[in-house]
N, C-alpha and C. Protein backbone atom coordinates (compact mmCIF):
# COMPACT_ATOMS: atom_id res chain seq x y z
N MET A 1 -11.88 -14.12 14.31
CA MET A 1 -11.40 -12.82 13.84
C MET A 1 -11.95 -12.57 12.43
N SER A 2 -12.42 -11.38 12.20
CA SER A 2 -13.02 -11.08 10.90
C SER A 2 -11.95 -11.00 9.80
N ARG A 3 -12.41 -11.14 8.57
CA ARG A 3 -11.49 -11.04 7.43
C ARG A 3 -10.81 -9.67 7.41
N ILE A 4 -11.54 -8.64 7.79
CA ILE A 4 -10.96 -7.30 7.82
C ILE A 4 -9.81 -7.25 8.82
N ASN A 5 -10.04 -7.75 10.03
CA ASN A 5 -8.99 -7.73 11.05
C ASN A 5 -7.80 -8.59 10.65
N GLU A 6 -8.06 -9.73 10.03
CA GLU A 6 -6.98 -10.58 9.55
C GLU A 6 -6.12 -9.84 8.53
N LYS A 7 -6.79 -9.15 7.61
CA LYS A 7 -6.06 -8.43 6.56
C LYS A 7 -5.29 -7.25 7.17
N ILE A 8 -5.88 -6.56 8.13
CA ILE A 8 -5.17 -5.46 8.79
C ILE A 8 -3.93 -5.98 9.49
N ASN A 9 -4.04 -7.11 10.16
CA ASN A 9 -2.87 -7.71 10.83
C ASN A 9 -1.80 -8.08 9.81
N GLU A 10 -2.21 -8.61 8.68
CA GLU A 10 -1.25 -8.96 7.62
C GLU A 10 -0.53 -7.72 7.12
N ILE A 11 -1.27 -6.65 6.88
CA ILE A 11 -0.68 -5.39 6.43
C ILE A 11 0.33 -4.89 7.46
N GLN A 12 -0.06 -4.93 8.74
CA GLN A 12 0.83 -4.44 9.79
C GLN A 12 2.11 -5.27 9.86
N GLU A 13 1.99 -6.58 9.67
CA GLU A 13 3.19 -7.44 9.65
C GLU A 13 4.12 -7.04 8.51
N TYR A 14 3.57 -6.81 7.33
CA TYR A 14 4.39 -6.41 6.19
C TYR A 14 5.06 -5.06 6.45
N LEU A 15 4.31 -4.12 7.03
CA LEU A 15 4.89 -2.81 7.33
C LEU A 15 6.02 -2.94 8.35
N ASP A 16 5.81 -3.77 9.37
CA ASP A 16 6.86 -3.98 10.38
C ASP A 16 8.10 -4.61 9.75
N GLU A 17 7.90 -5.61 8.90
CA GLU A 17 9.03 -6.26 8.23
C GLU A 17 9.76 -5.28 7.31
N LEU A 18 9.00 -4.42 6.66
CA LEU A 18 9.61 -3.41 5.80
C LEU A 18 10.45 -2.44 6.63
N LYS A 19 9.91 -2.00 7.77
CA LYS A 19 10.66 -1.08 8.64
C LYS A 19 11.97 -1.70 9.12
N GLU A 20 11.93 -3.01 9.40
CA GLU A 20 13.14 -3.70 9.85
C GLU A 20 14.17 -3.83 8.73
N THR A 21 13.71 -3.82 7.50
CA THR A 21 14.58 -4.05 6.34
C THR A 21 15.17 -2.78 5.77
N VAL A 22 14.39 -1.71 5.74
CA VAL A 22 14.84 -0.48 5.07
C VAL A 22 15.97 0.18 5.87
N PRO A 23 17.06 0.54 5.18
CA PRO A 23 18.17 1.21 5.87
C PRO A 23 17.83 2.65 6.25
N ASN A 24 18.66 3.23 7.09
CA ASN A 24 18.43 4.60 7.58
C ASN A 24 18.73 5.67 6.55
N THR A 25 19.57 5.36 5.56
CA THR A 25 19.93 6.37 4.57
C THR A 25 19.68 5.86 3.16
N PHE A 26 19.45 6.80 2.27
CA PHE A 26 19.25 6.45 0.87
C PHE A 26 20.52 5.83 0.29
N GLU A 27 21.67 6.31 0.72
CA GLU A 27 22.93 5.80 0.21
C GLU A 27 23.07 4.30 0.50
N GLU A 28 22.71 3.90 1.73
CA GLU A 28 22.74 2.48 2.08
C GLU A 28 21.74 1.69 1.22
N TYR A 29 20.57 2.27 1.05
CA TYR A 29 19.52 1.62 0.25
C TYR A 29 19.99 1.43 -1.19
N GLU A 30 20.51 2.50 -1.76
CA GLU A 30 20.92 2.49 -3.17
C GLU A 30 22.08 1.54 -3.42
N SER A 31 22.96 1.39 -2.45
CA SER A 31 24.18 0.60 -2.67
C SER A 31 24.00 -0.90 -2.42
N ASN A 32 22.82 -1.31 -1.93
CA ASN A 32 22.63 -2.72 -1.60
C ASN A 32 21.43 -3.28 -2.37
N LYS A 33 21.72 -3.99 -3.45
CA LYS A 33 20.64 -4.46 -4.31
C LYS A 33 19.76 -5.50 -3.63
N ILE A 34 20.29 -6.25 -2.69
CA ILE A 34 19.48 -7.24 -1.97
C ILE A 34 18.47 -6.53 -1.06
N VAL A 35 18.92 -5.50 -0.37
CA VAL A 35 18.03 -4.72 0.49
C VAL A 35 16.97 -4.01 -0.37
N ARG A 36 17.39 -3.45 -1.49
CA ARG A 36 16.43 -2.78 -2.40
C ARG A 36 15.36 -3.76 -2.85
N ALA A 37 15.78 -4.94 -3.26
CA ALA A 37 14.83 -5.95 -3.74
C ALA A 37 13.87 -6.36 -2.62
N ALA A 38 14.38 -6.52 -1.41
CA ALA A 38 13.52 -6.90 -0.28
C ALA A 38 12.51 -5.78 0.03
N CYS A 39 12.98 -4.55 0.03
CA CYS A 39 12.09 -3.42 0.30
C CYS A 39 11.01 -3.30 -0.78
N GLU A 40 11.42 -3.47 -2.02
CA GLU A 40 10.45 -3.41 -3.12
C GLU A 40 9.40 -4.51 -2.97
N ARG A 41 9.84 -5.69 -2.57
CA ARG A 41 8.91 -6.80 -2.41
C ARG A 41 7.93 -6.53 -1.27
N TYR A 42 8.42 -6.00 -0.16
CA TYR A 42 7.51 -5.65 0.95
C TYR A 42 6.54 -4.56 0.52
N PHE A 43 7.03 -3.59 -0.25
CA PHE A 43 6.15 -2.53 -0.77
C PHE A 43 5.04 -3.17 -1.60
N GLU A 44 5.39 -4.11 -2.47
CA GLU A 44 4.39 -4.80 -3.29
C GLU A 44 3.38 -5.52 -2.41
N ARG A 45 3.87 -6.21 -1.40
CA ARG A 45 2.98 -6.98 -0.51
C ARG A 45 2.01 -6.06 0.23
N VAL A 46 2.51 -4.94 0.72
CA VAL A 46 1.65 -3.97 1.41
C VAL A 46 0.57 -3.47 0.46
N ALA A 47 0.98 -3.06 -0.75
CA ALA A 47 0.02 -2.53 -1.72
C ALA A 47 -1.03 -3.58 -2.09
N GLU A 48 -0.61 -4.82 -2.27
CA GLU A 48 -1.56 -5.89 -2.60
C GLU A 48 -2.52 -6.14 -1.45
N ALA A 49 -2.01 -6.18 -0.23
CA ALA A 49 -2.86 -6.43 0.93
C ALA A 49 -3.85 -5.29 1.16
N VAL A 50 -3.42 -4.06 0.92
CA VAL A 50 -4.32 -2.91 1.05
C VAL A 50 -5.43 -3.00 0.00
N THR A 51 -5.07 -3.40 -1.20
CA THR A 51 -6.08 -3.60 -2.25
C THR A 51 -7.04 -4.71 -1.86
N ASP A 52 -6.52 -5.80 -1.33
CA ASP A 52 -7.38 -6.89 -0.85
C ASP A 52 -8.36 -6.38 0.21
N LEU A 53 -7.86 -5.56 1.12
CA LEU A 53 -8.71 -5.00 2.17
C LEU A 53 -9.82 -4.14 1.57
N ALA A 54 -9.47 -3.35 0.57
CA ALA A 54 -10.48 -2.53 -0.10
C ALA A 54 -11.57 -3.41 -0.70
N PHE A 55 -11.17 -4.50 -1.35
CA PHE A 55 -12.14 -5.43 -1.95
C PHE A 55 -13.02 -6.09 -0.89
N ILE A 56 -12.44 -6.44 0.24
CA ILE A 56 -13.22 -7.05 1.33
C ILE A 56 -14.30 -6.08 1.80
N ILE A 57 -13.91 -4.83 2.00
CA ILE A 57 -14.86 -3.80 2.45
C ILE A 57 -15.97 -3.62 1.42
N ILE A 58 -15.58 -3.52 0.16
CA ILE A 58 -16.56 -3.34 -0.93
C ILE A 58 -17.56 -4.50 -0.95
N THR A 59 -17.06 -5.70 -0.79
CA THR A 59 -17.92 -6.89 -0.79
C THR A 59 -18.86 -6.87 0.41
N GLN A 60 -18.31 -6.61 1.59
CA GLN A 60 -19.13 -6.63 2.80
C GLN A 60 -20.20 -5.53 2.79
N LYS A 61 -19.85 -4.37 2.24
CA LYS A 61 -20.79 -3.24 2.23
C LYS A 61 -21.70 -3.27 1.00
N LYS A 62 -21.42 -4.23 0.10
CA LYS A 62 -22.21 -4.37 -1.12
C LYS A 62 -22.17 -3.12 -2.00
N PHE A 63 -20.99 -2.51 -2.07
CA PHE A 63 -20.77 -1.39 -2.98
C PHE A 63 -20.67 -1.95 -4.40
N ARG A 64 -20.65 -1.05 -5.38
CA ARG A 64 -20.53 -1.51 -6.77
C ARG A 64 -19.22 -2.26 -6.98
N ILE A 65 -19.20 -3.11 -7.98
CA ILE A 65 -18.02 -3.93 -8.28
C ILE A 65 -16.97 -3.06 -8.97
N PRO A 66 -15.73 -3.09 -8.49
CA PRO A 66 -14.67 -2.28 -9.11
C PRO A 66 -14.29 -2.79 -10.50
N GLU A 67 -13.92 -1.85 -11.35
CA GLU A 67 -13.44 -2.21 -12.69
C GLU A 67 -12.02 -2.76 -12.64
N ASP A 68 -11.24 -2.28 -11.68
CA ASP A 68 -9.86 -2.74 -11.50
C ASP A 68 -9.44 -2.42 -10.07
N ASP A 69 -8.19 -2.74 -9.75
CA ASP A 69 -7.71 -2.54 -8.38
C ASP A 69 -7.78 -1.08 -7.94
N ILE A 70 -7.36 -0.17 -8.78
CA ILE A 70 -7.35 1.25 -8.41
C ILE A 70 -8.78 1.76 -8.22
N ASP A 71 -9.71 1.25 -9.03
CA ASP A 71 -11.11 1.64 -8.90
C ASP A 71 -11.65 1.28 -7.52
N SER A 72 -11.08 0.25 -6.89
CA SER A 72 -11.56 -0.12 -5.55
C SER A 72 -11.38 1.04 -4.57
N PHE A 73 -10.30 1.79 -4.70
CA PHE A 73 -10.09 2.95 -3.84
C PHE A 73 -11.07 4.07 -4.19
N GLY A 74 -11.37 4.20 -5.48
CA GLY A 74 -12.37 5.18 -5.92
C GLY A 74 -13.74 4.89 -5.34
N ILE A 75 -14.09 3.62 -5.28
CA ILE A 75 -15.38 3.23 -4.70
C ILE A 75 -15.42 3.57 -3.22
N LEU A 76 -14.33 3.34 -2.52
CA LEU A 76 -14.29 3.69 -1.09
C LEU A 76 -14.42 5.20 -0.91
N GLU A 77 -13.82 5.96 -1.82
CA GLU A 77 -13.97 7.42 -1.75
C GLU A 77 -15.42 7.82 -2.03
N GLU A 78 -16.01 7.26 -3.08
CA GLU A 78 -17.40 7.57 -3.45
C GLU A 78 -18.36 7.34 -2.29
N ASN A 79 -18.06 6.35 -1.49
CA ASN A 79 -18.95 5.96 -0.40
C ASN A 79 -18.53 6.53 0.96
N GLY A 80 -17.58 7.45 0.95
CA GLY A 80 -17.21 8.17 2.16
C GLY A 80 -16.34 7.41 3.14
N VAL A 81 -15.78 6.27 2.71
CA VAL A 81 -14.91 5.52 3.60
C VAL A 81 -13.57 6.23 3.72
N ILE A 82 -13.06 6.76 2.60
CA ILE A 82 -11.81 7.53 2.60
C ILE A 82 -12.06 8.86 1.90
N ASP A 83 -11.18 9.85 2.16
CA ASP A 83 -11.32 11.14 1.49
C ASP A 83 -10.50 11.16 0.20
N ASN A 84 -10.63 12.24 -0.54
CA ASN A 84 -9.97 12.34 -1.84
C ASN A 84 -8.45 12.30 -1.73
N GLU A 85 -7.90 12.94 -0.72
CA GLU A 85 -6.44 12.94 -0.56
C GLU A 85 -5.91 11.52 -0.35
N LEU A 86 -6.57 10.76 0.53
CA LEU A 86 -6.13 9.40 0.79
C LEU A 86 -6.35 8.52 -0.45
N TYR A 87 -7.45 8.74 -1.14
CA TYR A 87 -7.69 8.01 -2.39
C TYR A 87 -6.51 8.21 -3.35
N ASN A 88 -6.09 9.45 -3.53
CA ASN A 88 -4.99 9.74 -4.45
C ASN A 88 -3.68 9.11 -3.99
N ARG A 89 -3.43 9.11 -2.70
CA ARG A 89 -2.19 8.54 -2.17
C ARG A 89 -2.19 7.02 -2.33
N LEU A 90 -3.32 6.38 -2.08
CA LEU A 90 -3.41 4.93 -2.26
C LEU A 90 -3.31 4.56 -3.73
N LYS A 91 -3.93 5.36 -4.57
CA LYS A 91 -3.86 5.14 -6.02
C LYS A 91 -2.41 5.24 -6.49
N ASP A 92 -1.70 6.25 -5.99
CA ASP A 92 -0.29 6.42 -6.36
C ASP A 92 0.57 5.26 -5.87
N ALA A 93 0.29 4.79 -4.65
CA ALA A 93 1.05 3.65 -4.10
C ALA A 93 0.80 2.41 -4.96
N LYS A 94 -0.44 2.20 -5.35
CA LYS A 94 -0.77 1.04 -6.19
C LYS A 94 -0.08 1.17 -7.55
N GLY A 95 -0.06 2.39 -8.09
CA GLY A 95 0.63 2.62 -9.36
C GLY A 95 2.12 2.33 -9.25
N MET A 96 2.73 2.74 -8.14
CA MET A 96 4.15 2.47 -7.94
C MET A 96 4.37 0.97 -7.79
N ARG A 97 3.47 0.29 -7.08
CA ARG A 97 3.57 -1.16 -6.94
C ARG A 97 3.55 -1.83 -8.29
N ASN A 98 2.64 -1.41 -9.17
CA ASN A 98 2.55 -1.99 -10.51
C ASN A 98 3.84 -1.74 -11.29
N PHE A 99 4.39 -0.54 -11.15
CA PHE A 99 5.63 -0.19 -11.83
C PHE A 99 6.76 -1.09 -11.37
N ILE A 100 6.86 -1.29 -10.05
CA ILE A 100 7.91 -2.15 -9.49
C ILE A 100 7.69 -3.60 -9.93
N ALA A 101 6.47 -4.08 -9.77
CA ALA A 101 6.18 -5.49 -10.04
C ALA A 101 6.39 -5.86 -11.50
N HIS A 102 6.06 -4.94 -12.38
CA HIS A 102 6.14 -5.26 -13.81
C HIS A 102 7.37 -4.68 -14.48
N GLN A 103 8.22 -4.01 -13.68
CA GLN A 103 9.50 -3.49 -14.17
C GLN A 103 9.36 -2.69 -15.46
N TYR A 104 8.47 -1.70 -15.41
CA TYR A 104 8.30 -0.82 -16.57
C TYR A 104 9.50 0.12 -16.66
N GLY A 105 10.57 -0.32 -17.29
CA GLY A 105 11.75 0.52 -17.41
C GLY A 105 12.54 0.58 -16.11
N GLN A 106 13.29 1.63 -15.96
CA GLN A 106 14.18 1.80 -14.81
C GLN A 106 13.40 2.28 -13.59
N ILE A 107 13.55 1.58 -12.48
CA ILE A 107 12.91 1.98 -11.23
C ILE A 107 13.69 3.14 -10.62
N ASN A 108 12.99 4.17 -10.21
CA ASN A 108 13.61 5.32 -9.57
C ASN A 108 13.80 4.99 -8.08
N ASP A 109 15.02 4.60 -7.72
CA ASP A 109 15.29 4.17 -6.35
C ASP A 109 14.99 5.26 -5.32
N LYS A 110 15.29 6.48 -5.67
CA LYS A 110 15.05 7.60 -4.74
C LYS A 110 13.55 7.74 -4.46
N LEU A 111 12.74 7.64 -5.50
CA LEU A 111 11.29 7.73 -5.35
C LEU A 111 10.75 6.60 -4.48
N VAL A 112 11.22 5.40 -4.71
CA VAL A 112 10.78 4.24 -3.92
C VAL A 112 11.21 4.41 -2.47
N TYR A 113 12.46 4.81 -2.24
CA TYR A 113 12.96 4.98 -0.88
C TYR A 113 12.15 6.04 -0.14
N GLU A 114 11.88 7.16 -0.80
CA GLU A 114 11.10 8.22 -0.17
C GLU A 114 9.68 7.74 0.15
N ALA A 115 9.09 7.00 -0.76
CA ALA A 115 7.74 6.47 -0.52
C ALA A 115 7.74 5.54 0.69
N ILE A 116 8.75 4.68 0.76
CA ILE A 116 8.83 3.71 1.85
C ILE A 116 9.10 4.39 3.19
N THR A 117 9.98 5.37 3.21
CA THR A 117 10.41 5.95 4.47
C THR A 117 9.57 7.15 4.91
N GLU A 118 8.89 7.81 3.98
CA GLU A 118 8.20 9.06 4.33
C GLU A 118 6.69 9.01 4.18
N GLU A 119 6.17 8.10 3.35
CA GLU A 119 4.76 8.19 3.01
C GLU A 119 3.96 6.94 3.33
N LEU A 120 4.47 5.80 2.97
CA LEU A 120 3.70 4.56 2.99
C LEU A 120 3.08 4.27 4.36
N ASP A 121 3.89 4.27 5.40
CA ASP A 121 3.42 3.91 6.72
C ASP A 121 2.28 4.83 7.17
N ALA A 122 2.46 6.13 7.03
CA ALA A 122 1.42 7.08 7.45
C ALA A 122 0.14 6.90 6.63
N ASP A 123 0.28 6.72 5.33
CA ASP A 123 -0.90 6.55 4.48
C ASP A 123 -1.66 5.28 4.83
N ILE A 124 -0.96 4.21 5.05
CA ILE A 124 -1.61 2.94 5.35
C ILE A 124 -2.25 2.98 6.73
N LYS A 125 -1.58 3.59 7.69
CA LYS A 125 -2.17 3.72 9.02
C LYS A 125 -3.45 4.55 8.97
N LYS A 126 -3.44 5.59 8.17
CA LYS A 126 -4.63 6.42 8.00
C LYS A 126 -5.76 5.60 7.37
N PHE A 127 -5.42 4.79 6.39
CA PHE A 127 -6.41 3.94 5.74
C PHE A 127 -7.00 2.95 6.75
N ILE A 128 -6.15 2.33 7.54
CA ILE A 128 -6.62 1.36 8.54
C ILE A 128 -7.53 2.04 9.56
N GLU A 129 -7.19 3.25 9.99
CA GLU A 129 -8.04 4.00 10.92
C GLU A 129 -9.42 4.22 10.32
N LYS A 130 -9.46 4.62 9.04
CA LYS A 130 -10.74 4.85 8.36
C LYS A 130 -11.55 3.57 8.28
N VAL A 131 -10.90 2.47 7.96
CA VAL A 131 -11.57 1.18 7.83
C VAL A 131 -12.14 0.75 9.18
N LYS A 132 -11.36 0.93 10.25
CA LYS A 132 -11.83 0.54 11.57
C LYS A 132 -12.99 1.41 12.04
N GLY A 133 -13.04 2.64 11.52
CA GLY A 133 -14.12 3.56 11.87
C GLY A 133 -15.43 3.27 11.18
N GLU A 134 -15.39 2.39 10.21
CA GLU A 134 -16.59 2.03 9.44
C GLU A 134 -17.51 1.13 10.23
């Protein structure tokens, strides 16, 4: 199995585990700090694995070396692997991951919950489709 397929499977496992963990309502999410912490950790893992996948693609395609993690998505956009909208969504997800991981002040639970329940899965699936199309 290729490194790309291995990483895609890892991402899918994290997304599945996140779906099993996240409650159906924001109120449940907000009131349970253990569930919040688990969801945040899965969010971090997904964002890290997606970044790893971007780096694998860049290496295999011999694109320019990224300056940082977010630049890896920019390189994929520059080379037509992803479009500008997906680039911005992945960049935002990575930014939120950094915010959660490094605890820059108070985490906005509503923002994280909305990202997890409304955006992350669709964005990552779109990214995986683009990668598989390469």
